[in-house]
Amino acid sequence: MTPLELPGYAHVYSGKVRDLYAPLDAGGRPREDQLLLVASDRISAYDHVLTSEIPDKGAVLTQMSLWWFDRLADLVPHHVVSTDVPEAVARRAVLVERLDMAPVECVARAYLTGGGLNEYRASGTVSGLSLPGGLVDGSRLPAPIFTPSSKAPAGQHDEPISYDDVVALVGADRATVLSDLTCRILARGNEIAAERGILIADTKVEFGYRADGTVVLADEVLTPDSSRFWPAAGWEPGRAQPSYDKQYVRDWLTSDASGWDKGSGEEPPALPDEVVERTRAKYIEAYEALTGQTF
């Protein structure tokens, strides 16, 4: 995972699937007000970055986020400063504001599935919120709910936290804003996506703060990497739903075909060409169905 050498930029950090660079000023010093956010073609699953990449993934997610930022701008400002970036990272990078990031993973759910479903089955709650009885995998919730999680260090799992935990981390006023914005973003996303035959089951968003305290939407938003996208035509509560996200990769890794035990601590195997190609096709299919544009 060697970062690219980009003239005029200094590498700052590499996460699982993104790389950050600081623009250099006229004196060759890193600027403190902006960052170049580069979405790679790397893909992660079960807390591992796979050796196989998904061609065009970074470009698809970046272009989809830009499309959404425009449609959410009346709800919350976003961090994008410019899409004028080096040719080597064209279409998969954006120049963004450097923000003081909120220390919370802001998650909202419009449908019950995944970890939320597991908690509901055990206690009738999700993140401590009581839900109606009789819900099943894929049930639509009466309204989006805020189900935050911790921001775990690299290599560790994010863990669900309560709203009171968020208050303790950021204060009551900011907790109210983060909860409200996260749910409104998911609700707006579903209003728009439903017209295009897509349901957004849940989503994770990132927020940061400007020096004056303004809350800003950062990172990516409403993509198949940060959200569960379901084809509306196939939605059927009571079973696992078909999806546009990287579930195809997860399913292969946990199948007999991979020969990998996710509890072994060993690195996952490389993906077969067919899995890579079908995963790429899923990302592009989601982009084209949502935006109406050809990738």
Protein backbone atom coordinates (compact mmCIF):
# COMPACT_ATOMS: atom_id res chain seq x y z
CA MET A 1 0.00 0.00 0.00
CA THR A 2 2.67 2.47 -1.10
CA PRO A 3 1.17 5.94 -1.57
CA LEU A 4 1.46 7.72 -4.89
CA GLU A 5 4.05 10.43 -5.34
CA LEU A 6 2.07 13.55 -6.25
CA PRO A 7 4.11 16.65 -7.14
CA GLY A 8 2.98 19.61 -5.05
CA TYR A 9 1.52 17.40 -2.31
CA ALA A 10 2.87 15.70 0.81
CA HIS A 11 1.45 12.35 1.88
CA VAL A 12 -0.18 12.66 5.30
CA TYR A 13 -2.03 9.42 6.01
CA SER A 14 -3.39 6.25 4.42
CA GLY A 15 -6.48 4.53 5.75
CA LYS A 16 -8.04 1.29 4.60
CA VAL A 17 -9.33 2.71 1.33
CA ARG A 18 -8.38 6.42 1.30
CA ASP A 19 -5.18 8.42 1.16
CA LEU A 20 -4.71 11.97 2.42
CA TYR A 21 -2.22 14.51 1.09
CA ALA A 22 -1.52 18.10 2.10
CA PRO A 23 -1.04 20.68 -0.67
CA LEU A 24 2.34 22.42 -0.46
CA ASP A 25 2.51 26.20 -0.31
CA ALA A 26 4.91 28.36 -2.33
CA GLY A 27 7.62 27.63 0.23
CA GLY A 28 7.15 23.88 -0.02
CA ARG A 29 5.42 23.63 3.36
CA PRO A 30 2.20 21.61 3.87
CA ARG A 31 -0.88 23.83 4.05
CA GLU A 32 -2.92 23.54 7.23
CA ASP A 33 -6.31 24.51 5.79
CA GLN A 34 -6.81 21.93 3.01
CA LEU A 35 -6.32 18.26 2.19
CA LEU A 36 -6.40 16.18 -0.97
CA LEU A 37 -8.71 13.22 -0.31
CA VAL A 38 -7.98 10.32 -2.67
CA ALA A 39 -10.33 7.33 -2.89
CA SER A 40 -8.32 4.26 -3.89
CA ASP A 41 -9.56 1.10 -5.59
CA ARG A 42 -8.74 -0.88 -2.43
CA ILE A 43 -11.56 -2.80 -0.81
CA SER A 44 -11.86 -3.91 2.80
CA ALA A 45 -13.92 -6.67 4.40
CA TYR A 46 -14.02 -8.04 7.92
CA ASP A 47 -11.39 -5.49 9.03
CA HIS A 48 -8.91 -6.60 6.37
CA VAL A 49 -7.74 -4.67 3.32
CA LEU A 50 -7.79 -7.22 0.53
CA THR A 51 -4.87 -7.72 -1.83
CA SER A 52 -7.30 -7.51 -4.76
CA GLU A 53 -8.51 -4.10 -5.91
CA ILE A 54 -11.79 -3.25 -7.63
CA PRO A 55 -11.06 -1.23 -10.80
CA ASP A 56 -12.79 2.19 -10.91
CA LYS A 57 -14.18 1.84 -7.37
CA GLY A 58 -12.50 5.04 -6.15
CA ALA A 59 -13.83 7.04 -9.08
CA VAL A 60 -17.36 5.65 -8.73
CA LEU A 61 -17.57 6.51 -5.02
CA THR A 62 -16.05 9.97 -5.46
CA GLN A 63 -18.39 10.90 -8.30
CA MET A 64 -21.39 9.53 -6.42
CA SER A 65 -20.48 11.55 -3.31
CA LEU A 66 -20.17 14.72 -5.39
CA TRP A 67 -23.62 14.03 -6.85
CA TRP A 68 -25.07 13.68 -3.37
CA PHE A 69 -23.26 16.71 -1.92
CA ASP A 70 -25.13 18.86 -4.44
CA ARG A 71 -28.48 17.37 -3.37
CA LEU A 72 -27.82 17.78 0.35
CA ALA A 73 -26.34 21.28 0.27
CA ASP A 74 -29.49 22.88 1.69
CA LEU A 75 -29.30 20.56 4.73
CA VAL A 76 -25.61 20.91 5.59
CA PRO A 77 -22.49 22.42 3.97
CA HIS A 78 -19.91 19.95 2.64
CA HIS A 79 -16.14 19.93 2.72
CA VAL A 80 -15.35 19.97 -1.02
CA VAL A 81 -13.25 22.95 -2.12
CA SER A 82 -12.37 21.89 -5.67
CA THR A 83 -12.32 18.95 -8.08
CA ASP A 84 -9.24 20.40 -9.83
CA VAL A 85 -6.78 17.67 -8.82
CA PRO A 86 -3.64 16.05 -10.26
CA GLU A 87 -4.25 14.02 -13.40
CA ALA A 88 -2.92 10.87 -11.67
CA VAL A 89 -5.94 10.90 -9.33
CA ALA A 90 -8.50 12.53 -11.63
CA ARG A 91 -12.15 11.66 -10.86
CA ARG A 92 -11.22 9.85 -7.65
CA ALA A 93 -9.91 12.75 -5.61
CA VAL A 94 -11.20 16.05 -4.26
CA LEU A 95 -9.57 18.98 -2.53
CA VAL A 96 -11.33 19.48 0.79
CA GLU A 97 -11.36 21.67 3.87
CA ARG A 98 -9.26 20.47 6.80
CA LEU A 99 -11.75 20.12 9.66
CA ASP A 100 -11.84 19.17 13.32
CA MET A 101 -13.58 15.81 12.91
CA ALA A 102 -16.34 14.68 15.26
CA PRO A 103 -15.14 11.64 17.29
CA VAL A 104 -18.28 9.66 16.48
CA GLU A 105 -19.41 7.38 13.64
CA CYS A 106 -22.81 8.87 12.82
CA VAL A 107 -25.08 6.04 11.70
CA ALA A 108 -28.78 6.17 10.82
CA ARG A 109 -31.08 3.27 9.95
CA ALA A 110 -34.26 3.35 7.89
CA TYR A 111 -34.60 -0.44 7.69
CA LEU A 112 -33.73 -3.12 10.24
CA THR A 113 -30.83 -5.39 9.31
CA GLY A 114 -27.24 -6.24 10.20
CA GLY A 115 -26.02 -5.50 13.71
CA GLY A 116 -29.18 -3.56 14.50
CA LEU A 117 -31.26 -6.64 13.76
CA ASN A 118 -29.09 -8.76 16.07
CA GLU A 119 -29.60 -6.34 18.96
CA TYR A 120 -33.33 -6.08 18.26
CA ARG A 121 -33.71 -9.85 18.35
CA ALA A 122 -31.95 -9.96 21.71
CA SER A 123 -33.58 -6.99 23.43
CA GLY A 124 -36.18 -5.31 21.23
CA THR A 125 -33.92 -2.26 21.00
CA VAL A 126 -31.28 -0.76 18.70
CA SER A 127 -28.65 1.43 20.37
CA GLY A 128 -30.95 1.48 23.39
CA LEU A 129 -33.94 2.73 21.38
CA SER A 130 -37.10 0.64 21.78
CA LEU A 131 -38.66 -0.48 18.50
CA PRO A 132 -42.10 -1.97 17.73
CA GLY A 133 -42.52 -5.71 18.12
CA GLY A 134 -42.71 -8.16 15.23
CA LEU A 135 -40.00 -6.62 13.04
CA VAL A 136 -37.93 -8.91 10.81
CA ASP A 137 -34.83 -8.66 8.65
CA GLY A 138 -35.51 -5.88 6.14
CA SER A 139 -38.46 -4.28 7.96
CA ARG A 140 -38.91 -0.58 7.26
CA LEU A 141 -38.72 1.49 10.45
CA PRO A 142 -41.40 4.11 11.21
CA ALA A 143 -38.71 6.81 10.76
CA PRO A 144 -34.91 6.84 10.50
CA ILE A 145 -33.19 6.33 13.86
CA PHE A 146 -29.76 7.50 15.02
CA THR A 147 -27.57 4.54 16.04
CA PRO A 148 -24.04 5.89 16.53
CA SER A 149 -20.86 3.91 17.06
CA SER A 150 -17.39 4.56 18.37
CA LYS A 151 -14.46 5.45 16.15
CA ALA A 152 -12.18 2.52 16.85
CA PRO A 153 -8.41 2.62 16.27
CA ALA A 154 -7.15 0.97 13.09
CA GLY A 155 -7.57 -2.80 13.15
CA GLN A 156 -10.33 -2.74 15.77
CA HIS A 157 -14.11 -2.89 15.43
CA ASP A 158 -16.33 0.16 15.81
CA GLU A 159 -18.73 -0.56 18.67
CA PRO A 160 -22.32 0.68 19.08
CA ILE A 161 -22.66 3.48 21.62
CA SER A 162 -25.67 5.19 23.16
CA TYR A 163 -26.90 8.71 22.55
CA ASP A 164 -25.75 9.57 26.08
CA ASP A 165 -22.26 8.44 25.07
CA VAL A 166 -22.38 10.88 22.14
CA VAL A 167 -23.43 13.67 24.51
CA ALA A 168 -20.45 12.82 26.72
CA LEU A 169 -18.12 13.00 23.71
CA VAL A 170 -19.34 16.16 21.97
CA GLY A 171 -21.81 17.89 24.30
CA ALA A 172 -25.60 18.01 24.28
CA ASP A 173 -26.00 20.71 21.62
CA ARG A 174 -23.66 19.07 19.11
CA ALA A 175 -25.15 15.64 19.79
CA THR A 176 -28.60 16.99 18.87
CA VAL A 177 -27.26 18.46 15.62
CA LEU A 178 -25.36 15.30 14.64
CA SER A 179 -28.36 13.07 15.32
CA ASP A 180 -30.78 15.32 13.45
CA LEU A 181 -28.53 15.79 10.42
CA THR A 182 -27.69 12.09 10.12
CA CYS A 183 -31.37 11.10 10.10
CA ARG A 184 -32.31 13.92 7.71
CA ILE A 185 -29.54 12.92 5.28
CA LEU A 186 -30.81 9.33 5.21
CA ALA A 187 -34.43 10.47 4.83
CA ARG A 188 -33.50 12.83 1.96
CA GLY A 189 -31.39 10.09 0.41
CA ASN A 190 -34.30 7.68 0.42
CA GLU A 191 -36.69 10.26 -1.03
CA ILE A 192 -34.37 10.68 -4.01
CA ALA A 193 -33.17 7.09 -4.36
CA ALA A 194 -36.67 5.58 -4.17
CA GLU A 195 -37.59 7.44 -7.36
CA ARG A 196 -34.73 5.54 -9.00
CA GLY A 197 -35.62 2.10 -7.66
CA ILE A 198 -33.12 2.03 -4.78
CA LEU A 199 -33.70 1.71 -1.04
CA ILE A 200 -31.00 2.93 1.36
CA ALA A 201 -31.28 0.71 4.42
CA ASP A 202 -28.75 2.54 6.57
CA THR A 203 -25.80 4.85 6.25
CA LYS A 204 -22.71 6.12 8.05
CA VAL A 205 -21.70 9.75 7.67
CA GLU A 206 -18.80 11.82 8.95
CA PHE A 207 -18.98 15.38 10.23
CA GLY A 208 -16.34 17.95 11.05
CA TYR A 209 -16.27 21.46 12.45
CA ARG A 210 -14.90 24.68 11.04
CA ALA A 211 -13.08 27.06 13.37
CA ASP A 212 -16.32 29.00 13.87
CA GLY A 213 -18.17 25.83 14.95
CA THR A 214 -20.08 25.27 11.70
CA VAL A 215 -20.93 21.60 11.19
CA VAL A 216 -19.69 20.30 7.81
CA LEU A 217 -20.44 17.02 6.01
CA ALA A 218 -17.14 15.29 5.20
CA ASP A 219 -15.58 12.15 3.71
CA GLU A 220 -18.09 10.30 1.46
CA VAL A 221 -21.87 10.27 1.60
CA LEU A 222 -24.61 7.79 0.64
CA THR A 223 -22.37 5.46 -1.35
CA PRO A 224 -22.46 1.64 -1.47
CA ASP A 225 -19.37 1.65 0.78
CA SER A 226 -20.93 3.80 3.50
CA SER A 227 -24.51 2.56 3.12
CA ARG A 228 -26.59 -0.50 2.31
CA PHE A 229 -28.20 -0.06 -1.12
CA TRP A 230 -31.04 -2.45 -1.97
CA PRO A 231 -32.88 -2.74 -5.30
CA ALA A 232 -36.45 -1.73 -4.41
CA ALA A 233 -37.91 -4.33 -6.75
CA GLY A 234 -36.30 -7.13 -4.76
CA TRP A 235 -37.16 -5.88 -1.26
CA GLU A 236 -38.90 -8.58 0.74
CA PRO A 237 -38.85 -8.33 4.57
CA GLY A 238 -38.07 -11.56 6.36
CA ARG A 239 -34.88 -12.46 4.51
CA ALA A 240 -31.52 -11.04 3.55
CA GLN A 241 -31.93 -8.51 0.74
CA PRO A 242 -29.98 -8.42 -2.53
CA SER A 243 -27.68 -5.42 -2.52
CA TYR A 244 -25.47 -3.12 -4.57
CA ASP A 245 -22.68 -3.01 -2.02
CA LYS A 246 -19.66 -5.22 -1.33
CA GLN A 247 -21.77 -8.00 0.16
CA TYR A 248 -20.82 -10.09 -2.88
CA VAL A 249 -17.20 -9.93 -1.69
CA ARG A 250 -18.14 -10.81 1.89
CA ASP A 251 -20.26 -13.74 0.70
CA TRP A 252 -17.41 -15.17 -1.36
CA LEU A 253 -14.88 -14.77 1.47
CA THR A 254 -17.12 -16.73 3.86
CA SER A 255 -17.99 -19.42 1.30
CA ASP A 256 -16.33 -22.81 1.01
CA ALA A 257 -14.85 -21.65 -2.29
CA SER A 258 -12.49 -19.19 -0.59
CA GLY A 259 -11.14 -21.69 1.95
CA TRP A 260 -10.75 -18.81 4.43
CA ASP A 261 -11.84 -18.79 8.06
CA LYS A 262 -12.54 -15.21 9.14
CA GLY A 263 -11.85 -16.20 12.75
CA SER A 264 -8.39 -17.53 11.94
CA GLY A 265 -6.57 -14.22 12.09
CA GLU A 266 -5.03 -14.95 8.70
CA GLU A 267 -5.19 -12.56 5.78
CA PRO A 268 -8.02 -13.28 3.30
CA PRO A 269 -7.11 -14.77 -0.09
CA ALA A 270 -7.06 -12.83 -3.34
CA LEU A 271 -10.44 -12.51 -5.04
CA PRO A 272 -11.10 -14.49 -8.22
CA ASP A 273 -11.38 -12.42 -11.39
CA GLU A 274 -15.10 -13.16 -11.57
CA VAL A 275 -15.72 -11.75 -8.08
CA VAL A 276 -13.68 -8.63 -8.91
CA GLU A 277 -15.58 -8.08 -12.17
CA ARG A 278 -19.01 -8.65 -10.63
CA THR A 279 -18.22 -6.34 -7.71
CA ARG A 280 -17.05 -3.59 -10.09
CA ALA A 281 -20.27 -4.07 -12.08
CA LYS A 282 -22.36 -3.69 -8.90
CA TYR A 283 -20.73 -0.37 -8.03
CA ILE A 284 -21.22 0.97 -11.54
CA GLU A 285 -24.79 -0.32 -11.67
CA ALA A 286 -25.57 1.55 -8.45
CA TYR A 287 -23.99 4.77 -9.77
CA GLU A 288 -25.85 4.65 -13.06
CA ALA A 289 -29.20 3.71 -11.50
CA LEU A 290 -28.91 6.52 -8.97
CA THR A 291 -27.55 9.37 -11.09
CA GLY A 292 -29.00 8.44 -14.48
CA GLN A 293 -25.52 9.02 -15.91
CA THR A 294 -23.30 6.56 -17.77
CA PHE A 295 -20.07 5.95 -15.89
